[in-house]
Amino acid sequence: MAFEPRFAVAVEWGACAGVALPDVAPPESEWPAALHAGERAFARALGDARRAAWIGGRLALRAALDLAGLPCVAPILPTERGAPRLPDGLTGSISHKAGLAVAIAGPAGHPPISLGVDLEQLRPLRADIAARVLTERERAALPAAGPERERVVLRFFSAKEAIYKALDPWVGRYVGFQEAEVAFHPGGALSARVALAHGEGPFAIELQDLGREAGGHRQPGEQGLAVQVGAEQVLMLARARRG
């Protein structure tokens, strides 16, 4: 079955869900019923290369909203910056990589917060991206050259991508890699701080590495599904708020 649910799990900030992605979207008659009519119309206009990932992202986001007790009856179409446009009072984010679309959703809250998610495949890097992506302090924390160093670099990269998505509703612009700094602590805890080049904020950032917490094992979700984030994947969540 195309777009098969892979996991749905409650998290501190709402819920996170994943949907399997086919290589190519099937005929519309096989699209899941959970896809809103307005989303179907938008998906029809997309090229073949984008359609499967776009549909899978919306299905993952709707699954996360449902699990969080926040069903959305309106179509979830993109903003001018490509993020999902959710009704007032809701926040969410989507990411996808080969074979999997993931989303996080939750209440926007009072005072308001925004959420971001990023999914990465742990893989050998074709080039060393550390100098471009990491701050000097982050580079100093890297292990010696080798596979472990590449895994840590990708975790930094994924954390920053999740942070940028969480910040986007507030700043509405591309945020450079050097504007956020992430630290990994013993026991798997993460922290982050941002110093935005245009003076926005201040913002408080929280991070959660769901892939590390899953540890490649199955965790029961509230709807009987399971987290299926393997050791070859990183799944980072971020929450941003003013303060």
C-alpha atoms as a PDB file:
ATOM      1  CA  MET A   1       0.000   0.000   0.000  1.00  0.00           C
ATOM      2  CA  ALA A   2       1.344   3.425  -0.952  1.00  0.00           C
ATOM      3  CA  PHE A   3       1.855   5.910   1.883  1.00  0.00           C
ATOM      4  CA  GLU A   4       1.719   3.253   4.559  1.00  0.00           C
ATOM      5  CA  PRO A   5       1.894   4.657   8.116  1.00  0.00           C
ATOM      6  CA  ARG A   6       5.314   3.976   9.622  1.00  0.00           C
ATOM      7  CA  PHE A   7       4.964   5.472  13.094  1.00  0.00           C
ATOM      8  CA  ALA A   8       2.940   7.885  15.208  1.00  0.00           C
ATOM      9  CA  VAL A   9       4.094   8.844  18.670  1.00  0.00           C
ATOM     10  CA  ALA A  10       3.214  11.475  21.237  1.00  0.00           C
ATOM     11  CA  VAL A  11       6.095  13.807  22.087  1.00  0.00           C
ATOM     12  CA  GLU A  12       6.446  16.560  24.649  1.00  0.00           C
ATOM     13  CA  TRP A  13       5.336  19.263  22.209  1.00  0.00           C
ATOM     14  CA  GLY A  14       2.517  17.400  20.439  1.00  0.00           C
ATOM     15  CA  ALA A  15       2.938  14.411  18.155  1.00  0.00           C
ATOM     16  CA  CYS A  16       5.283  13.136  15.455  1.00  0.00           C
ATOM     17  CA  ALA A  17       4.315  10.768  12.626  1.00  0.00           C
ATOM     18  CA  GLY A  18       5.943   9.137   9.629  1.00  0.00           C
ATOM     19  CA  VAL A  19       4.604   7.792   6.331  1.00  0.00           C
ATOM     20  CA  ALA A  20       6.370   5.541   3.836  1.00  0.00           C
ATOM     21  CA  LEU A  21       7.018   7.208   0.478  1.00  0.00           C
ATOM     22  CA  PRO A  22       6.729   5.390  -2.846  1.00  0.00           C
ATOM     23  CA  ASP A  23       9.232   6.245  -5.547  1.00  0.00           C
ATOM     24  CA  VAL A  24       6.386   7.635  -7.661  1.00  0.00           C
ATOM     25  CA  ALA A  25       2.906   8.657  -6.555  1.00  0.00           C
ATOM     26  CA  PRO A  26       0.268   6.111  -7.537  1.00  0.00           C
ATOM     27  CA  PRO A  27      -2.841   7.055  -9.556  1.00  0.00           C
ATOM     28  CA  GLU A  28      -5.168   9.429  -7.725  1.00  0.00           C
ATOM     29  CA  SER A  29      -7.703   6.657  -7.205  1.00  0.00           C
ATOM     30  CA  GLU A  30      -5.152   5.077  -4.828  1.00  0.00           C
ATOM     31  CA  TRP A  31      -4.400   8.206  -2.776  1.00  0.00           C
ATOM     32  CA  PRO A  32      -5.458   7.779   0.866  1.00  0.00           C
ATOM     33  CA  ALA A  33      -8.818   9.195   1.871  1.00  0.00           C
ATOM     34  CA  ALA A  34      -7.170  11.294   4.602  1.00  0.00           C
ATOM     35  CA  LEU A  35      -5.903  13.693   1.919  1.00  0.00           C
ATOM     36  CA  HIS A  36      -8.186  16.770   1.796  1.00  0.00           C
ATOM     37  CA  ALA A  37      -9.891  17.630  -1.505  1.00  0.00           C
ATOM     38  CA  GLY A  38      -7.964  20.898  -1.648  1.00  0.00           C
ATOM     39  CA  GLU A  39      -4.695  19.031  -1.135  1.00  0.00           C
ATOM     40  CA  ARG A  40      -5.625  16.600  -3.901  1.00  0.00           C
ATOM     41  CA  ALA A  41      -6.169  19.493  -6.281  1.00  0.00           C
ATOM     42  CA  PHE A  42      -2.789  20.994  -5.359  1.00  0.00           C
ATOM     43  CA  ALA A  43      -1.035  17.623  -5.731  1.00  0.00           C
ATOM     44  CA  ARG A  44      -2.502  17.077  -9.204  1.00  0.00           C
ATOM     45  CA  ALA A  45      -0.694  20.194 -10.433  1.00  0.00           C
ATOM     46  CA  LEU A  46       2.705  19.053  -9.152  1.00  0.00           C
ATOM     47  CA  GLY A  47       5.278  17.322 -11.288  1.00  0.00           C
ATOM     48  CA  ASP A  48       5.871  13.616 -10.848  1.00  0.00           C
ATOM     49  CA  ALA A  49       9.160  14.232  -9.012  1.00  0.00           C
ATOM     50  CA  ARG A  50       7.470  16.236  -6.214  1.00  0.00           C
ATOM     51  CA  ARG A  51       4.016  14.673  -5.950  1.00  0.00           C
ATOM     52  CA  ALA A  52       4.807  11.597  -3.819  1.00  0.00           C
ATOM     53  CA  ALA A  53       6.830  13.518  -1.227  1.00  0.00           C
ATOM     54  CA  TRP A  54       4.235  16.313  -1.025  1.00  0.00           C
ATOM     55  CA  ILE A  55       1.341  13.892  -0.494  1.00  0.00           C
ATOM     56  CA  GLY A  56       3.324  11.857   2.046  1.00  0.00           C
ATOM     57  CA  GLY A  57       4.218  15.005   3.983  1.00  0.00           C
ATOM     58  CA  ARG A  58       0.576  16.072   4.238  1.00  0.00           C
ATOM     59  CA  LEU A  59      -0.493  12.604   5.328  1.00  0.00           C
ATOM     60  CA  ALA A  60       2.227  12.524   7.999  1.00  0.00           C
ATOM     61  CA  LEU A  61       1.201  15.976   9.227  1.00  0.00           C
ATOM     62  CA  ARG A  62      -2.471  14.999   9.414  1.00  0.00           C
ATOM     63  CA  ALA A  63      -1.547  11.836  11.322  1.00  0.00           C
ATOM     64  CA  ALA A  64       0.474  13.922  13.800  1.00  0.00           C
ATOM     65  CA  LEU A  65      -2.383  16.413  14.209  1.00  0.00           C
ATOM     66  CA  ASP A  66      -4.883  13.616  14.813  1.00  0.00           C
ATOM     67  CA  LEU A  67      -2.674  11.965  17.418  1.00  0.00           C
ATOM     68  CA  ALA A  68      -2.204  15.304  19.153  1.00  0.00           C
ATOM     69  CA  GLY A  69      -5.994  15.717  19.335  1.00  0.00           C
ATOM     70  CA  LEU A  70      -5.888  18.623  16.858  1.00  0.00           C
ATOM     71  CA  PRO A  71      -7.694  17.448  13.711  1.00  0.00           C
ATOM     72  CA  CYS A  72      -7.608  19.966  10.869  1.00  0.00           C
ATOM     73  CA  VAL A  73     -10.629  20.193   8.558  1.00  0.00           C
ATOM     74  CA  ALA A  74      -9.072  22.796   6.238  1.00  0.00           C
ATOM     75  CA  PRO A  75      -6.669  21.945   3.404  1.00  0.00           C
ATOM     76  CA  ILE A  76      -3.026  22.280   4.459  1.00  0.00           C
ATOM     77  CA  LEU A  77      -1.474  24.143   1.551  1.00  0.00           C
ATOM     78  CA  PRO A  78       2.005  25.729   1.415  1.00  0.00           C
ATOM     79  CA  THR A  79       2.962  29.221   2.461  1.00  0.00           C
ATOM     80  CA  GLU A  80       4.906  31.404   0.056  1.00  0.00           C
ATOM     81  CA  ARG A  81       8.053  29.940   1.657  1.00  0.00           C
ATOM     82  CA  GLY A  82       6.886  26.341   1.197  1.00  0.00           C
ATOM     83  CA  ALA A  83       6.030  25.532   4.817  1.00  0.00           C
ATOM     84  CA  PRO A  84       2.629  24.004   5.657  1.00  0.00           C
ATOM     85  CA  ARG A  85       0.026  26.723   6.255  1.00  0.00           C
ATOM     86  CA  LEU A  86      -1.876  25.637   9.356  1.00  0.00           C
ATOM     87  CA  PRO A  87      -4.896  27.339  10.958  1.00  0.00           C
ATOM     88  CA  ASP A  88      -4.326  29.777  13.797  1.00  0.00           C
ATOM     89  CA  GLY A  89      -3.527  27.967  17.027  1.00  0.00           C
ATOM     90  CA  LEU A  90      -1.624  25.123  15.346  1.00  0.00           C
ATOM     91  CA  THR A  91       2.031  24.685  14.458  1.00  0.00           C
ATOM     92  CA  GLY A  92       3.760  21.988  12.462  1.00  0.00           C
ATOM     93  CA  SER A  93       6.594  21.064  10.152  1.00  0.00           C
ATOM     94  CA  ILE A  94       7.401  18.424   7.522  1.00  0.00           C
ATOM     95  CA  SER A  95      10.596  16.733   6.325  1.00  0.00           C
ATOM     96  CA  HIS A  96      11.280  13.854   3.974  1.00  0.00           C
ATOM     97  CA  LYS A  97      14.140  11.760   2.710  1.00  0.00           C
ATOM     98  CA  ALA A  98      14.280   8.676   0.527  1.00  0.00           C
ATOM     99  CA  GLY A  99      11.385   6.412   1.449  1.00  0.00           C
ATOM    100  CA  LEU A 100      10.013   8.332   4.442  1.00  0.00           C
ATOM    101  CA  ALA A 101       8.061  11.541   5.169  1.00  0.00           C
ATOM    102  CA  VAL A 102       7.832  12.784   8.760  1.00  0.00           C
ATOM    103  CA  ALA A 103       5.938  15.592  10.456  1.00  0.00           C
ATOM    104  CA  ILE A 104       5.548  17.152  13.877  1.00  0.00           C
ATOM    105  CA  ALA A 105       2.435  19.043  14.988  1.00  0.00           C
ATOM    106  CA  GLY A 106       1.154  20.616  18.159  1.00  0.00           C
ATOM    107  CA  PRO A 107      -0.708  23.588  19.632  1.00  0.00           C
ATOM    108  CA  ALA A 108       0.846  26.971  18.979  1.00  0.00           C
ATOM    109  CA  GLY A 109       0.207  27.841  22.623  1.00  0.00           C
ATOM    110  CA  HIS A 110       0.120  31.038  24.678  1.00  0.00           C
ATOM    111  CA  PRO A 111       2.670  32.525  24.524  1.00  0.00           C
ATOM    112  CA  PRO A 112       3.098  31.160  21.003  1.00  0.00           C
ATOM    113  CA  ILE A 113       5.686  28.584  19.962  1.00  0.00           C
ATOM    114  CA  SER A 114       6.606  27.089  16.602  1.00  0.00           C
ATOM    115  CA  LEU A 115       7.917  23.640  15.715  1.00  0.00           C
ATOM    116  CA  GLY A 116      10.440  22.317  13.215  1.00  0.00           C
ATOM    117  CA  VAL A 117      11.476  18.824  12.146  1.00  0.00           C
ATOM    118  CA  ASP A 118      14.319  17.462  10.034  1.00  0.00           C
ATOM    119  CA  LEU A 119      15.037  13.950   8.800  1.00  0.00           C
ATOM    120  CA  GLU A 120      18.471  12.946   7.510  1.00  0.00           C
ATOM    121  CA  GLN A 121      19.985   9.702   6.293  1.00  0.00           C
ATOM    122  CA  LEU A 122      23.273   8.852   7.953  1.00  0.00           C
ATOM    123  CA  ARG A 123      25.581   8.291   5.028  1.00  0.00           C
ATOM    124  CA  PRO A 124      29.187   8.831   3.990  1.00  0.00           C
ATOM    125  CA  LEU A 125      29.653  12.486   3.071  1.00  0.00           C
ATOM    126  CA  ARG A 126      30.977  13.215  -0.392  1.00  0.00           C
ATOM    127  CA  ALA A 127      32.597  16.383   0.954  1.00  0.00           C
ATOM    128  CA  ASP A 128      33.450  17.720   4.394  1.00  0.00           C
ATOM    129  CA  ILE A 129      30.679  20.212   5.167  1.00  0.00           C
ATOM    130  CA  ALA A 130      31.855  20.988   8.711  1.00  0.00           C
ATOM    131  CA  ALA A 131      33.532  24.312   7.860  1.00  0.00           C
ATOM    132  CA  ARG A 132      30.372  25.590   6.130  1.00  0.00           C
ATOM    133  CA  VAL A 133      27.773  24.252   8.573  1.00  0.00           C
ATOM    134  CA  LEU A 134      29.458  24.323  11.998  1.00  0.00           C
ATOM    135  CA  THR A 135      30.668  27.168  14.166  1.00  0.00           C
ATOM    136  CA  GLU A 136      34.214  27.160  15.500  1.00  0.00           C
ATOM    137  CA  ARG A 137      32.999  25.879  18.874  1.00  0.00           C
ATOM    138  CA  GLU A 138      30.995  23.089  17.220  1.00  0.00           C
ATOM    139  CA  ARG A 139      33.977  22.025  15.108  1.00  0.00           C
ATOM    140  CA  ALA A 140      36.120  21.836  18.246  1.00  0.00           C
ATOM    141  CA  ALA A 141      33.702  19.253  19.667  1.00  0.00           C
ATOM    142  CA  LEU A 142      33.983  16.888  16.685  1.00  0.00           C
ATOM    143  CA  PRO A 143      35.633  13.465  16.978  1.00  0.00           C
ATOM    144  CA  ALA A 144      38.681  12.634  14.913  1.00  0.00           C
ATOM    145  CA  ALA A 145      38.202  11.999  11.196  1.00  0.00           C
ATOM    146  CA  GLY A 146      36.180   8.897  10.383  1.00  0.00           C
ATOM    147  CA  PRO A 147      32.604   7.576  10.256  1.00  0.00           C
ATOM    148  CA  GLU A 148      31.748   8.797  13.767  1.00  0.00           C
ATOM    149  CA  ARG A 149      32.811  12.325  12.869  1.00  0.00           C
ATOM    150  CA  GLU A 150      30.538  12.263   9.819  1.00  0.00           C
ATOM    151  CA  ARG A 151      27.606  11.051  11.932  1.00  0.00           C
ATOM    152  CA  VAL A 152      28.123  13.893  14.397  1.00  0.00           C
ATOM    153  CA  VAL A 153      28.379  16.456  11.591  1.00  0.00           C
ATOM    154  CA  LEU A 154      25.056  15.223  10.177  1.00  0.00           C
ATOM    155  CA  ARG A 155      23.435  15.458  13.618  1.00  0.00           C
ATOM    156  CA  PHE A 156      24.595  19.074  13.875  1.00  0.00           C
ATOM    157  CA  PHE A 157      23.282  19.718  10.364  1.00  0.00           C
ATOM    158  CA  SER A 158      19.898  18.129  11.127  1.00  0.00           C
ATOM    159  CA  ALA A 159      19.501  20.037  14.391  1.00  0.00           C
ATOM    160  CA  LYS A 160      20.143  23.316  12.579  1.00  0.00           C
ATOM    161  CA  GLU A 161      17.680  22.474   9.820  1.00  0.00           C
ATOM    162  CA  ALA A 162      14.990  21.790  12.438  1.00  0.00           C
ATOM    163  CA  ILE A 163      15.848  25.074  14.194  1.00  0.00           C
ATOM    164  CA  TYR A 164      15.561  27.048  10.957  1.00  0.00           C
ATOM    165  CA  LYS A 165      12.129  25.564  10.238  1.00  0.00           C
ATOM    166  CA  ALA A 166      10.970  26.403  13.756  1.00  0.00           C
ATOM    167  CA  LEU A 167      12.238  29.981  13.359  1.00  0.00           C
ATOM    168  CA  ASP A 168      10.824  30.572   9.889  1.00  0.00           C
ATOM    169  CA  PRO A 169       7.317  31.673  10.992  1.00  0.00           C
ATOM    170  CA  TRP A 170       8.967  34.366  13.121  1.00  0.00           C
ATOM    171  CA  VAL A 171      11.687  35.655  10.786  1.00  0.00           C
ATOM    172  CA  GLY A 172      10.461  34.729   7.279  1.00  0.00           C
ATOM    173  CA  ARG A 173      13.931  34.449   5.787  1.00  0.00           C
ATOM    174  CA  TYR A 174      16.804  32.082   5.220  1.00  0.00           C
ATOM    175  CA  VAL A 175      18.838  31.707   8.423  1.00  0.00           C
ATOM    176  CA  GLY A 176      22.526  30.995   7.902  1.00  0.00           C
ATOM    177  CA  PHE A 177      24.226  28.016   9.531  1.00  0.00           C
ATOM    178  CA  GLN A 178      26.453  30.287  11.600  1.00  0.00           C
ATOM    179  CA  GLU A 179      23.423  31.968  13.211  1.00  0.00           C
ATOM    180  CA  ALA A 180      22.672  28.897  15.358  1.00  0.00           C
ATOM    181  CA  GLU A 181      24.980  26.943  17.632  1.00  0.00           C
ATOM    182  CA  VAL A 182      24.164  23.463  18.944  1.00  0.00           C
ATOM    183  CA  ALA A 183      25.769  21.517  21.787  1.00  0.00           C
ATOM    184  CA  PHE A 184      25.493  17.789  22.531  1.00  0.00           C
ATOM    185  CA  HIS A 185      25.670  16.827  26.189  1.00  0.00           C
ATOM    186  CA  PRO A 186      26.329  13.537  28.034  1.00  0.00           C
ATOM    187  CA  GLY A 187      23.299  11.265  28.003  1.00  0.00           C
ATOM    188  CA  GLY A 188      22.100  12.568  24.627  1.00  0.00           C
ATOM    189  CA  ALA A 189      20.690  15.939  25.726  1.00  0.00           C
ATOM    190  CA  LEU A 190      20.964  18.844  23.297  1.00  0.00           C
ATOM    191  CA  SER A 191      20.937  22.603  23.685  1.00  0.00           C
ATOM    192  CA  ALA A 192      21.030  25.455  21.211  1.00  0.00           C
ATOM    193  CA  ARG A 193      21.315  29.188  21.045  1.00  0.00           C
ATOM    194  CA  VAL A 194      20.760  31.566  18.173  1.00  0.00           C
ATOM    195  CA  ALA A 195      22.285  34.955  17.382  1.00  0.00           C
ATOM    196  CA  LEU A 196      20.378  36.164  14.353  1.00  0.00           C
ATOM    197  CA  ALA A 197      22.190  38.418  11.926  1.00  0.00           C
ATOM    198  CA  HIS A 198      19.203  40.733  11.428  1.00  0.00           C
ATOM    199  CA  GLY A 199      18.663  41.238  15.148  1.00  0.00           C
ATOM    200  CA  GLU A 200      15.389  39.322  15.450  1.00  0.00           C
ATOM    201  CA  GLY A 201      14.429  37.798  18.751  1.00  0.00           C
ATOM    202  CA  PRO A 202      15.645  36.898  21.265  1.00  0.00           C
ATOM    203  CA  PHE A 203      14.444  33.315  20.835  1.00  0.00           C
ATOM    204  CA  ALA A 204      14.694  30.313  23.119  1.00  0.00           C
ATOM    205  CA  ILE A 205      15.310  27.021  21.304  1.00  0.00           C
ATOM    206  CA  GLU A 206      14.719  23.479  22.546  1.00  0.00           C
ATOM    207  CA  LEU A 207      15.844  20.342  20.703  1.00  0.00           C
ATOM    208  CA  GLN A 208      14.918  16.680  20.809  1.00  0.00           C
ATOM    209  CA  ASP A 209      16.684  13.898  18.871  1.00  0.00           C
ATOM    210  CA  LEU A 210      13.878  11.411  18.364  1.00  0.00           C
ATOM    211  CA  GLY A 211      16.069   9.124  16.273  1.00  0.00           C
ATOM    212  CA  ARG A 212      18.593   8.798  19.102  1.00  0.00           C
ATOM    213  CA  GLU A 213      15.867   8.245  21.677  1.00  0.00           C
ATOM    214  CA  ALA A 214      14.331   5.531  19.526  1.00  0.00           C
ATOM    215  CA  GLY A 215      17.774   4.006  19.322  1.00  0.00           C
ATOM    216  CA  GLY A 216      16.825   2.018  16.263  1.00  0.00           C
ATOM    217  CA  HIS A 217      14.324   0.055  18.344  1.00  0.00           C
ATOM    218  CA  ARG A 218      10.526   0.047  18.297  1.00  0.00           C
ATOM    219  CA  GLN A 219       8.696   2.291  20.728  1.00  0.00           C
ATOM    220  CA  PRO A 220       4.933   1.851  21.111  1.00  0.00           C
ATOM    221  CA  GLY A 221       2.838   4.784  19.939  1.00  0.00           C
ATOM    222  CA  GLU A 222      -0.506   5.703  21.339  1.00  0.00           C
ATOM    223  CA  GLN A 223      -2.297   4.324  18.283  1.00  0.00           C
ATOM    224  CA  GLY A 224      -0.554   0.978  18.250  1.00  0.00           C
ATOM    225  CA  LEU A 225       1.985   2.015  15.642  1.00  0.00           C
ATOM    226  CA  ALA A 226       5.696   2.096  16.326  1.00  0.00           C
ATOM    227  CA  VAL A 227       8.522   4.529  15.924  1.00  0.00           C
ATOM    228  CA  GLN A 228      10.666   3.082  13.156  1.00  0.00           C
ATOM    229  CA  VAL A 229      13.665   5.355  13.064  1.00  0.00           C
ATOM    230  CA  GLY A 230      16.644   3.163  12.398  1.00  0.00           C
ATOM    231  CA  ALA A 231      20.249   3.656  13.359  1.00  0.00           C
ATOM    232  CA  GLU A 232      20.828   4.959   9.818  1.00  0.00           C
ATOM    233  CA  GLN A 233      18.501   7.960  10.317  1.00  0.00           C
ATOM    234  CA  VAL A 234      18.495  11.167  12.333  1.00  0.00           C
ATOM    235  CA  LEU A 235      15.148  12.701  13.313  1.00  0.00           C
ATOM    236  CA  MET A 236      15.503  16.111  14.973  1.00  0.00           C
ATOM    237  CA  LEU A 237      12.694  18.159  16.516  1.00  0.00           C
ATOM    238  CA  ALA A 238      12.952  21.832  17.465  1.00  0.00           C
ATOM    239  CA  ARG A 239      10.711  24.242  19.345  1.00  0.00           C
ATOM    240  CA  ALA A 240      11.159  28.019  19.186  1.00  0.00           C
ATOM    241  CA  ARG A 241       9.613  30.724  21.356  1.00  0.00           C
ATOM    242  CA  ARG A 242      10.412  34.312  22.110  1.00  0.00           C
ATOM    243  CA  GLY A 243      12.428  34.904  25.229  1.00  0.00           C
END
